[in-house]
């Protein structure tokens, strides 16, 4: 992060993918699901490609809403750009 700040100060053209902060607060329905998951012990790291139920739901939604036939094995979910790019 210090290196990025230094390069910006030098007015160098860089793409900062160090971190991003959400612009909005987390919606209540997501907070509720997270709390429930913690209470039932479902708050551990997932497979590096993302949880299977989420990937299955995404595959189905892509098929239903967008007409895109995408296999679950072709879907990867990550928590940020660095995890996907690097």
PDB file of N, CA and C in Angstrom:
ATOM      1  N   UNK A   1       0.815  -1.190   0.000  1.00  0.00           N
ATOM      2  CA  UNK A   1       0.000   0.000   0.000  1.00  0.00           C
ATOM      3  C   UNK A   1       0.866   1.264   0.000  1.00  0.00           C
ATOM      4  N   UNK A   2       1.958   1.254   0.751  1.00  0.00           N
ATOM      5  CA  UNK A   2       2.842   2.417   0.785  1.00  0.00           C
ATOM      6  C   UNK A   2       3.447   2.682  -0.581  1.00  0.00           C
ATOM      7  N   UNK A   3       3.765   1.599  -1.296  1.00  0.00           N
ATOM      8  CA  UNK A   3       4.337   1.750  -2.642  1.00  0.00           C
ATOM      9  C   UNK A   3       3.337   2.418  -3.571  1.00  0.00           C
ATOM     10  N   UNK A   4       2.085   2.045  -3.486  1.00  0.00           N
ATOM     11  CA  UNK A   4       1.038   2.642  -4.321  1.00  0.00           C
ATOM     12  C   UNK A   4       0.905   4.125  -3.999  1.00  0.00           C
ATOM     13  N   UNK A   5       0.877   4.458  -2.718  1.00  0.00           N
ATOM     14  CA  UNK A   5       0.771   5.859  -2.300  1.00  0.00           C
ATOM     15  C   UNK A   5       1.957   6.661  -2.825  1.00  0.00           C
ATOM     16  N   UNK A   6       3.134   6.085  -2.749  1.00  0.00           N
ATOM     17  CA  UNK A   6       4.347   6.746  -3.244  1.00  0.00           C
ATOM     18  C   UNK A   6       4.257   6.989  -4.755  1.00  0.00           C
ATOM     19  N   UNK A   7       3.826   5.986  -5.498  1.00  0.00           N
ATOM     20  CA  UNK A   7       3.713   6.136  -6.952  1.00  0.00           C
ATOM     21  C   UNK A   7       2.663   7.171  -7.337  1.00  0.00           C
ATOM     22  N   UNK A   8       1.565   7.202  -6.593  1.00  0.00           N
ATOM     23  CA  UNK A   8       0.533   8.218  -6.858  1.00  0.00           C
ATOM     24  C   UNK A   8       1.087   9.619  -6.604  1.00  0.00           C
ATOM     25  N   UNK A   9       1.890   9.755  -5.548  1.00  0.00           N
ATOM     26  CA  UNK A   9       2.479  11.058  -5.229  1.00  0.00           C
ATOM     27  C   UNK A   9       3.411  11.530  -6.339  1.00  0.00           C
ATOM     28  N   UNK A  10       4.020  10.582  -7.042  1.00  0.00           N
ATOM     29  CA  UNK A  10       4.892  10.913  -8.171  1.00  0.00           C
ATOM     30  C   UNK A  10       4.093  11.130  -9.457  1.00  0.00           C
ATOM     31  N   UNK A  11       2.772  11.069  -9.321  1.00  0.00           N
ATOM     32  CA  UNK A  11       1.853  11.227 -10.451  1.00  0.00           C
ATOM     33  C   UNK A  11       2.101  10.175 -11.531  1.00  0.00           C
ATOM     34  N   UNK A  12       2.512   8.981 -11.090  1.00  0.00           N
ATOM     35  CA  UNK A  12       2.683   7.859 -12.008  1.00  0.00           C
ATOM     36  C   UNK A  12       1.321   7.278 -12.345  1.00  0.00           C
ATOM     37  N   UNK A  13       1.165   6.785 -13.536  1.00  0.00           N
ATOM     38  CA  UNK A  13      -0.090   6.168 -13.942  1.00  0.00           C
ATOM     39  C   UNK A  13      -0.076   4.705 -13.491  1.00  0.00           C
ATOM     40  N   UNK A  14      -0.895   4.406 -12.492  1.00  0.00           N
ATOM     41  CA  UNK A  14      -0.965   3.044 -11.966  1.00  0.00           C
ATOM     42  C   UNK A  14      -2.424   2.641 -11.785  1.00  0.00           C
ATOM     43  N   UNK A  15      -2.629   1.360 -11.685  1.00  0.00           N
ATOM     44  CA  UNK A  15      -3.953   0.823 -11.388  1.00  0.00           C
ATOM     45  C   UNK A  15      -3.897   0.241  -9.988  1.00  0.00           C
ATOM     46  N   UNK A  16      -4.574   0.869  -9.086  1.00  0.00           N
ATOM     47  CA  UNK A  16      -4.550   0.483  -7.680  1.00  0.00           C
ATOM     48  C   UNK A  16      -5.611  -0.595  -7.430  1.00  0.00           C
ATOM     49  N   UNK A  17      -5.164  -1.825  -7.216  1.00  0.00           N
ATOM     50  CA  UNK A  17      -6.078  -2.904  -6.871  1.00  0.00           C
ATOM     51  C   UNK A  17      -5.785  -3.423  -5.457  1.00  0.00           C
ATOM     52  N   UNK A  18      -5.213  -2.563  -4.622  1.00  0.00           N
ATOM     53  CA  UNK A  18      -4.857  -2.982  -3.270  1.00  0.00           C
ATOM     54  C   UNK A  18      -6.084  -3.311  -2.429  1.00  0.00           C
ATOM     55  N   UNK A  19      -7.066  -2.475  -2.415  1.00  0.00           N
ATOM     56  CA  UNK A  19      -8.297  -2.760  -1.690  1.00  0.00           C
ATOM     57  C   UNK A  19      -9.367  -1.788  -2.145  1.00  0.00           C
ATOM     58  N   UNK A  20     -10.580  -2.159  -1.890  1.00  0.00           N
ATOM     59  CA  UNK A  20     -11.700  -1.292  -2.219  1.00  0.00           C
ATOM     60  C   UNK A  20     -12.653  -1.254  -1.046  1.00  0.00           C
ATOM     61  N   UNK A  21     -13.211  -0.146  -0.806  1.00  0.00           N
ATOM     62  CA  UNK A  21     -14.172   0.007   0.274  1.00  0.00           C
ATOM     63  C   UNK A  21     -15.565   0.134  -0.318  1.00  0.00           C
ATOM     64  N   UNK A  22     -16.524  -0.626   0.199  1.00  0.00           N
ATOM     65  CA  UNK A  22     -17.891  -0.484  -0.286  1.00  0.00           C
ATOM     66  C   UNK A  22     -18.412   0.930  -0.056  1.00  0.00           C
ATOM     67  N   UNK A  23     -19.209   1.393  -0.993  1.00  0.00           N
ATOM     68  CA  UNK A  23     -19.769   2.740  -0.874  1.00  0.00           C
ATOM     69  C   UNK A  23     -21.008   2.766   0.017  1.00  0.00           C
ATOM     70  N   UNK A  24     -21.708   1.633   0.119  1.00  0.00           N
ATOM     71  CA  UNK A  24     -22.939   1.573   0.902  1.00  0.00           C
ATOM     72  C   UNK A  24     -22.778   0.618   2.074  1.00  0.00           C
ATOM     73  N   UNK A  25     -23.668   0.755   3.035  1.00  0.00           N
ATOM     74  CA  UNK A  25     -23.688  -0.170   4.164  1.00  0.00           C
ATOM     75  C   UNK A  25     -24.242  -1.510   3.699  1.00  0.00           C
ATOM     76  N   UNK A  26     -23.891  -2.561   4.423  1.00  0.00           N
ATOM     77  CA  UNK A  26     -24.407  -3.891   4.107  1.00  0.00           C
ATOM     78  C   UNK A  26     -25.908  -3.917   4.355  1.00  0.00           C
ATOM     79  N   UNK A  27     -26.695  -4.377   3.363  1.00  0.00           N
ATOM     80  CA  UNK A  27     -28.152  -4.444   3.542  1.00  0.00           C
ATOM     81  C   UNK A  27     -28.533  -5.379   4.692  1.00  0.00           C
ATOM     82  N   UNK A  28     -29.629  -5.062   5.371  1.00  0.00           N
ATOM     83  CA  UNK A  28     -30.061  -5.834   6.535  1.00  0.00           C
ATOM     84  C   UNK A  28     -30.283  -7.308   6.229  1.00  0.00           C
ATOM     85  N   UNK A  29     -30.832  -7.637   5.063  1.00  0.00           N
ATOM     86  CA  UNK A  29     -31.111  -9.046   4.774  1.00  0.00           C
ATOM     87  C   UNK A  29     -29.821  -9.858   4.639  1.00  0.00           C
ATOM     88  N   UNK A  30     -28.751  -9.226   4.212  1.00  0.00           N
ATOM     89  CA  UNK A  30     -27.460  -9.919   4.129  1.00  0.00           C
ATOM     90  C   UNK A  30     -26.875 -10.094   5.527  1.00  0.00           C
ATOM     91  N   UNK A  31     -27.005  -9.083   6.355  1.00  0.00           N
ATOM     92  CA  UNK A  31     -26.543  -9.183   7.741  1.00  0.00           C
ATOM     93  C   UNK A  31     -27.275 -10.325   8.439  1.00  0.00           C
ATOM     94  N   UNK A  32     -28.594 -10.429   8.237  1.00  0.00           N
ATOM     95  CA  UNK A  32     -29.387 -11.481   8.866  1.00  0.00           C
ATOM     96  C   UNK A  32     -28.922 -12.870   8.442  1.00  0.00           C
ATOM     97  N   UNK A  33     -28.643 -13.043   7.140  1.00  0.00           N
ATOM     98  CA  UNK A  33     -28.167 -14.338   6.645  1.00  0.00           C
ATOM     99  C   UNK A  33     -26.800 -14.659   7.241  1.00  0.00           C
ATOM    100  N   UNK A  34     -25.934 -13.660   7.338  1.00  0.00           N
ATOM    101  CA  UNK A  34     -24.611 -13.876   7.926  1.00  0.00           C
ATOM    102  C   UNK A  34     -24.709 -14.296   9.390  1.00  0.00           C
ATOM    103  N   UNK A  35     -25.564 -13.636  10.136  1.00  0.00           N
ATOM    104  CA  UNK A  35     -25.733 -13.975  11.556  1.00  0.00           C
ATOM    105  C   UNK A  35     -26.244 -15.400  11.696  1.00  0.00           C
ATOM    106  N   UNK A  36     -27.228 -15.773  10.886  1.00  0.00           N
ATOM    107  CA  UNK A  36     -27.758 -17.131  10.922  1.00  0.00           C
ATOM    108  C   UNK A  36     -26.668 -18.145  10.601  1.00  0.00           C
ATOM    109  N   UNK A  37     -25.860 -17.861   9.588  1.00  0.00           N
ATOM    110  CA  UNK A  37     -24.775 -18.768   9.206  1.00  0.00           C
ATOM    111  C   UNK A  37     -23.798 -18.968  10.356  1.00  0.00           C
ATOM    112  N   UNK A  38     -23.486 -17.900  11.064  1.00  0.00           N
ATOM    113  CA  UNK A  38     -22.566 -18.017  12.197  1.00  0.00           C
ATOM    114  C   UNK A  38     -23.169 -18.860  13.314  1.00  0.00           C
ATOM    115  N   UNK A  39     -24.467 -18.688  13.567  1.00  0.00           N
ATOM    116  CA  UNK A  39     -25.129 -19.456  14.626  1.00  0.00           C
ATOM    117  C   UNK A  39     -25.164 -20.950  14.327  1.00  0.00           C
ATOM    118  N   UNK A  40     -25.252 -21.327  13.066  1.00  0.00           N
ATOM    119  CA  UNK A  40     -25.309 -22.751  12.716  1.00  0.00           C
ATOM    120  C   UNK A  40     -23.945 -23.319  12.352  1.00  0.00           C
ATOM    121  N   UNK A  41     -22.893 -22.518  12.521  1.00  0.00           N
ATOM    122  CA  UNK A  41     -21.543 -23.002  12.277  1.00  0.00           C
ATOM    123  C   UNK A  41     -21.114 -22.995  10.823  1.00  0.00           C
ATOM    124  N   UNK A  42     -21.784 -22.218  10.000  1.00  0.00           N
ATOM    125  CA  UNK A  42     -21.445 -22.159   8.573  1.00  0.00           C
ATOM    126  C   UNK A  42     -20.703 -20.862   8.275  1.00  0.00           C
ATOM    127  N   UNK A  43     -19.578 -20.673   8.953  1.00  0.00           N
ATOM    128  CA  UNK A  43     -18.818 -19.431   8.785  1.00  0.00           C
ATOM    129  C   UNK A  43     -17.333 -19.743   8.614  1.00  0.00           C
ATOM    130  N   UNK A  44     -17.042 -20.764   7.846  1.00  0.00           N
ATOM    131  CA  UNK A  44     -15.663 -21.166   7.593  1.00  0.00           C
ATOM    132  C   UNK A  44     -15.266 -20.778   6.181  1.00  0.00           C
ATOM    133  N   UNK A  45     -13.975 -20.901   5.881  1.00  0.00           N
ATOM    134  CA  UNK A  45     -13.517 -20.667   4.515  1.00  0.00           C
ATOM    135  C   UNK A  45     -14.167 -21.671   3.580  1.00  0.00           C
ATOM    136  N   UNK A  46     -14.430 -21.236   2.370  1.00  0.00           N
ATOM    137  CA  UNK A  46     -15.006 -22.124   1.367  1.00  0.00           C
ATOM    138  C   UNK A  46     -13.910 -22.650   0.454  1.00  0.00           C
ATOM    139  N   UNK A  47     -14.300 -23.502  -0.459  1.00  0.00           N
ATOM    140  CA  UNK A  47     -13.422 -23.949  -1.523  1.00  0.00           C
ATOM    141  C   UNK A  47     -12.862 -22.717  -2.217  1.00  0.00           C
ATOM    142  N   UNK A  48     -11.658 -22.791  -2.741  1.00  0.00           N
ATOM    143  CA  UNK A  48     -11.042 -21.609  -3.350  1.00  0.00           C
ATOM    144  C   UNK A  48     -11.815 -21.087  -4.561  1.00  0.00           C
ATOM    145  N   UNK A  49     -12.649 -21.905  -5.179  1.00  0.00           N
ATOM    146  CA  UNK A  49     -13.475 -21.463  -6.308  1.00  0.00           C
ATOM    147  C   UNK A  49     -14.805 -20.880  -5.843  1.00  0.00           C
ATOM    148  N   UNK A  50     -15.088 -20.964  -4.544  1.00  0.00           N
ATOM    149  CA  UNK A  50     -16.362 -20.499  -4.011  1.00  0.00           C
ATOM    150  C   UNK A  50     -17.219 -21.681  -3.592  1.00  0.00           C
ATOM    151  N   UNK A  51     -18.235 -21.427  -2.794  1.00  0.00           N
ATOM    152  CA  UNK A  51     -19.070 -22.524  -2.307  1.00  0.00           C
ATOM    153  C   UNK A  51     -19.900 -23.119  -3.444  1.00  0.00           C
ATOM    154  N   UNK A  52     -20.091 -24.424  -3.405  1.00  0.00           N
ATOM    155  CA  UNK A  52     -20.829 -25.118  -4.448  1.00  0.00           C
ATOM    156  C   UNK A  52     -22.278 -24.621  -4.546  1.00  0.00           C
ATOM    157  N   UNK A  53     -23.006 -24.446  -3.429  1.00  0.00           N
ATOM    158  CA  UNK A  53     -24.382 -23.942  -3.564  1.00  0.00           C
ATOM    159  C   UNK A  53     -24.457 -22.574  -4.252  1.00  0.00           C
ATOM    160  N   UNK A  54     -23.528 -21.699  -3.952  1.00  0.00           N
ATOM    161  CA  UNK A  54     -23.514 -20.383  -4.595  1.00  0.00           C
ATOM    162  C   UNK A  54     -23.234 -20.516  -6.087  1.00  0.00           C
ATOM    163  N   UNK A  55     -22.248 -21.322  -6.437  1.00  0.00           N
ATOM    164  CA  UNK A  55     -21.909 -21.510  -7.849  1.00  0.00           C
ATOM    165  C   UNK A  55     -23.049 -22.175  -8.615  1.00  0.00           C
ATOM    166  N   UNK A  56     -23.748 -23.105  -7.972  1.00  0.00           N
ATOM    167  CA  UNK A  56     -24.897 -23.740  -8.615  1.00  0.00           C
ATOM    168  C   UNK A  56     -26.015 -22.723  -8.841  1.00  0.00           C
ATOM    169  N   UNK A  57     -26.269 -21.887  -7.845  1.00  0.00           N
ATOM    170  CA  UNK A  57     -27.294 -20.856  -7.981  1.00  0.00           C
ATOM    171  C   UNK A  57     -26.937 -19.862  -9.082  1.00  0.00           C
ATOM    172  N   UNK A  58     -25.666 -19.506  -9.173  1.00  0.00           N
ATOM    173  CA  UNK A  58     -25.231 -18.577 -10.216  1.00  0.00           C
ATOM    174  C   UNK A  58     -25.399 -19.198 -11.600  1.00  0.00           C
ATOM    175  N   UNK A  59     -25.062 -20.472 -11.718  1.00  0.00           N
ATOM    176  CA  UNK A  59     -25.214 -21.169 -12.990  1.00  0.00           C
ATOM    177  C   UNK A  59     -26.681 -21.178 -13.418  1.00  0.00           C
ATOM    178  N   UNK A  60     -27.553 -21.483 -12.471  1.00  0.00           N
ATOM    179  CA  UNK A  60     -28.989 -21.510 -12.768  1.00  0.00           C
ATOM    180  C   UNK A  60     -29.510 -20.122 -13.128  1.00  0.00           C
ATOM    181  N   UNK A  61     -29.089 -19.113 -12.394  1.00  0.00           N
ATOM    182  CA  UNK A  61     -29.543 -17.754 -12.684  1.00  0.00           C
ATOM    183  C   UNK A  61     -29.050 -17.280 -14.047  1.00  0.00           C
ATOM    184  N   UNK A  62     -27.816 -17.595 -14.390  1.00  0.00           N
ATOM    185  CA  UNK A  62     -27.299 -17.234 -15.715  1.00  0.00           C
ATOM    186  C   UNK A  62     -28.130 -17.899 -16.814  1.00  0.00           C
ATOM    187  N   UNK A  63     -28.496 -19.153 -16.581  1.00  0.00           N
ATOM    188  CA  UNK A  63     -29.287 -19.892 -17.559  1.00  0.00           C
ATOM    189  C   UNK A  63     -30.694 -19.298 -17.668  1.00  0.00           C
ATOM    190  N   UNK A  64     -31.322 -19.061 -16.525  1.00  0.00           N
ATOM    191  CA  UNK A  64     -32.709 -18.597 -16.502  1.00  0.00           C
ATOM    192  C   UNK A  64     -32.855 -17.148 -16.943  1.00  0.00           C
ATOM    193  N   UNK A  65     -32.043 -16.276 -16.377  1.00  0.00           N
ATOM    194  CA  UNK A  65     -32.197 -14.836 -16.617  1.00  0.00           C
ATOM    195  C   UNK A  65     -31.505 -14.339 -17.883  1.00  0.00           C
ATOM    196  N   UNK A  66     -30.397 -14.994 -18.245  1.00  0.00           N
ATOM    197  CA  UNK A  66     -29.588 -14.478 -19.343  1.00  0.00           C
ATOM    198  C   UNK A  66     -29.464 -15.417 -20.538  1.00  0.00           C
ATOM    199  N   UNK A  67     -30.000 -16.619 -20.411  1.00  0.00           N
ATOM    200  CA  UNK A  67     -29.894 -17.574 -21.500  1.00  0.00           C
ATOM    201  C   UNK A  67     -28.471 -18.056 -21.730  1.00  0.00           C
ATOM    202  N   UNK A  68     -27.638 -17.971 -20.692  1.00  0.00           N
ATOM    203  CA  UNK A  68     -26.241 -18.388 -20.795  1.00  0.00           C
ATOM    204  C   UNK A  68     -26.096 -19.750 -20.123  1.00  0.00           C
ATOM    205  N   UNK A  69     -25.660 -20.742 -20.889  1.00  0.00           N
ATOM    206  CA  UNK A  69     -25.452 -22.075 -20.345  1.00  0.00           C
ATOM    207  C   UNK A  69     -24.025 -22.183 -19.838  1.00  0.00           C
ATOM    208  N   UNK A  70     -23.864 -22.026 -18.550  1.00  0.00           N
ATOM    209  CA  UNK A  70     -22.540 -21.999 -17.930  1.00  0.00           C
ATOM    210  C   UNK A  70     -22.479 -23.100 -16.882  1.00  0.00           C
ATOM    211  N   UNK A  71     -21.548 -24.016 -17.052  1.00  0.00           N
ATOM    212  CA  UNK A  71     -21.385 -25.108 -16.091  1.00  0.00           C
ATOM    213  C   UNK A  71     -20.823 -24.575 -14.775  1.00  0.00           C
ATOM    214  N   UNK A  72     -21.174 -25.234 -13.689  1.00  0.00           N
ATOM    215  CA  UNK A  72     -20.676 -24.840 -12.368  1.00  0.00           C
ATOM    216  C   UNK A  72     -19.150 -24.836 -12.353  1.00  0.00           C
ATOM    217  N   UNK A  73     -18.535 -25.766 -13.058  1.00  0.00           N
ATOM    218  CA  UNK A  73     -17.068 -25.845 -13.090  1.00  0.00           C
ATOM    219  C   UNK A  73     -16.423 -24.645 -13.778  1.00  0.00           C
ATOM    220  N   UNK A  74     -17.225 -23.850 -14.497  1.00  0.00           N
ATOM    221  CA  UNK A  74     -16.711 -22.666 -15.184  1.00  0.00           C
ATOM    222  C   UNK A  74     -16.886 -21.390 -14.365  1.00  0.00           C
ATOM    223  N   UNK A  75     -17.441 -21.518 -13.180  1.00  0.00           N
ATOM    224  CA  UNK A  75     -17.732 -20.356 -12.328  1.00  0.00           C
ATOM    225  C   UNK A  75     -16.761 -20.336 -11.155  1.00  0.00           C
ATOM    226  N   UNK A  76     -16.157 -19.171 -10.928  1.00  0.00           N
ATOM    227  CA  UNK A  76     -15.264 -18.972  -9.790  1.00  0.00           C
ATOM    228  C   UNK A  76     -15.728 -17.712  -9.062  1.00  0.00           C
ATOM    229  N   UNK A  77     -15.833 -17.814  -7.754  1.00  0.00           N
ATOM    230  CA  UNK A  77     -16.272 -16.682  -6.931  1.00  0.00           C
ATOM    231  C   UNK A  77     -15.126 -16.307  -6.001  1.00  0.00           C
ATOM    232  N   UNK A  78     -14.787 -15.026  -5.960  1.00  0.00           N
ATOM    233  CA  UNK A  78     -13.714 -14.572  -5.079  1.00  0.00           C
ATOM    234  C   UNK A  78     -14.151 -13.299  -4.367  1.00  0.00           C
ATOM    235  N   UNK A  79     -13.414 -12.940  -3.343  1.00  0.00           N
ATOM    236  CA  UNK A  79     -13.773 -11.765  -2.558  1.00  0.00           C
ATOM    237  C   UNK A  79     -13.091 -10.494  -3.030  1.00  0.00           C
ATOM    238  N   UNK A  80     -12.379 -10.548  -4.142  1.00  0.00           N
ATOM    239  CA  UNK A  80     -11.753  -9.339  -4.666  1.00  0.00           C
ATOM    240  C   UNK A  80     -10.966  -9.607  -5.919  1.00  0.00           C
ATOM    241  N   UNK A  81     -10.542  -8.542  -6.553  1.00  0.00           N
ATOM    242  CA  UNK A  81      -9.837  -8.636  -7.834  1.00  0.00           C
ATOM    243  C   UNK A  81      -8.507  -9.373  -7.704  1.00  0.00           C
ATOM    244  N   UNK A  82      -7.769  -9.131  -6.633  1.00  0.00           N
ATOM    245  CA  UNK A  82      -6.456  -9.770  -6.500  1.00  0.00           C
ATOM    246  C   UNK A  82      -6.562 -11.287  -6.508  1.00  0.00           C
ATOM    247  N   UNK A  83      -7.593 -11.832  -5.881  1.00  0.00           N
ATOM    248  CA  UNK A  83      -7.750 -13.285  -5.824  1.00  0.00           C
ATOM    249  C   UNK A  83      -8.035 -13.877  -7.192  1.00  0.00           C
ATOM    250  N   UNK A  84      -8.684 -13.138  -8.054  1.00  0.00           N
ATOM    251  CA  UNK A  84      -9.010 -13.621  -9.392  1.00  0.00           C
ATOM    252  C   UNK A  84      -7.867 -13.367 -10.369  1.00  0.00           C
ATOM    253  N   UNK A  85      -7.306 -12.188 -10.341  1.00  0.00           N
ATOM    254  CA  UNK A  85      -6.288 -11.794 -11.316  1.00  0.00           C
ATOM    255  C   UNK A  85      -4.959 -12.494 -11.052  1.00  0.00           C
ATOM    256  N   UNK A  86      -4.557 -12.546  -9.801  1.00  0.00           N
ATOM    257  CA  UNK A  86      -3.244 -13.090  -9.479  1.00  0.00           C
ATOM    258  C   UNK A  86      -3.425 -14.468  -8.916  1.00  0.00           C
TER     259      UNK A  86
END
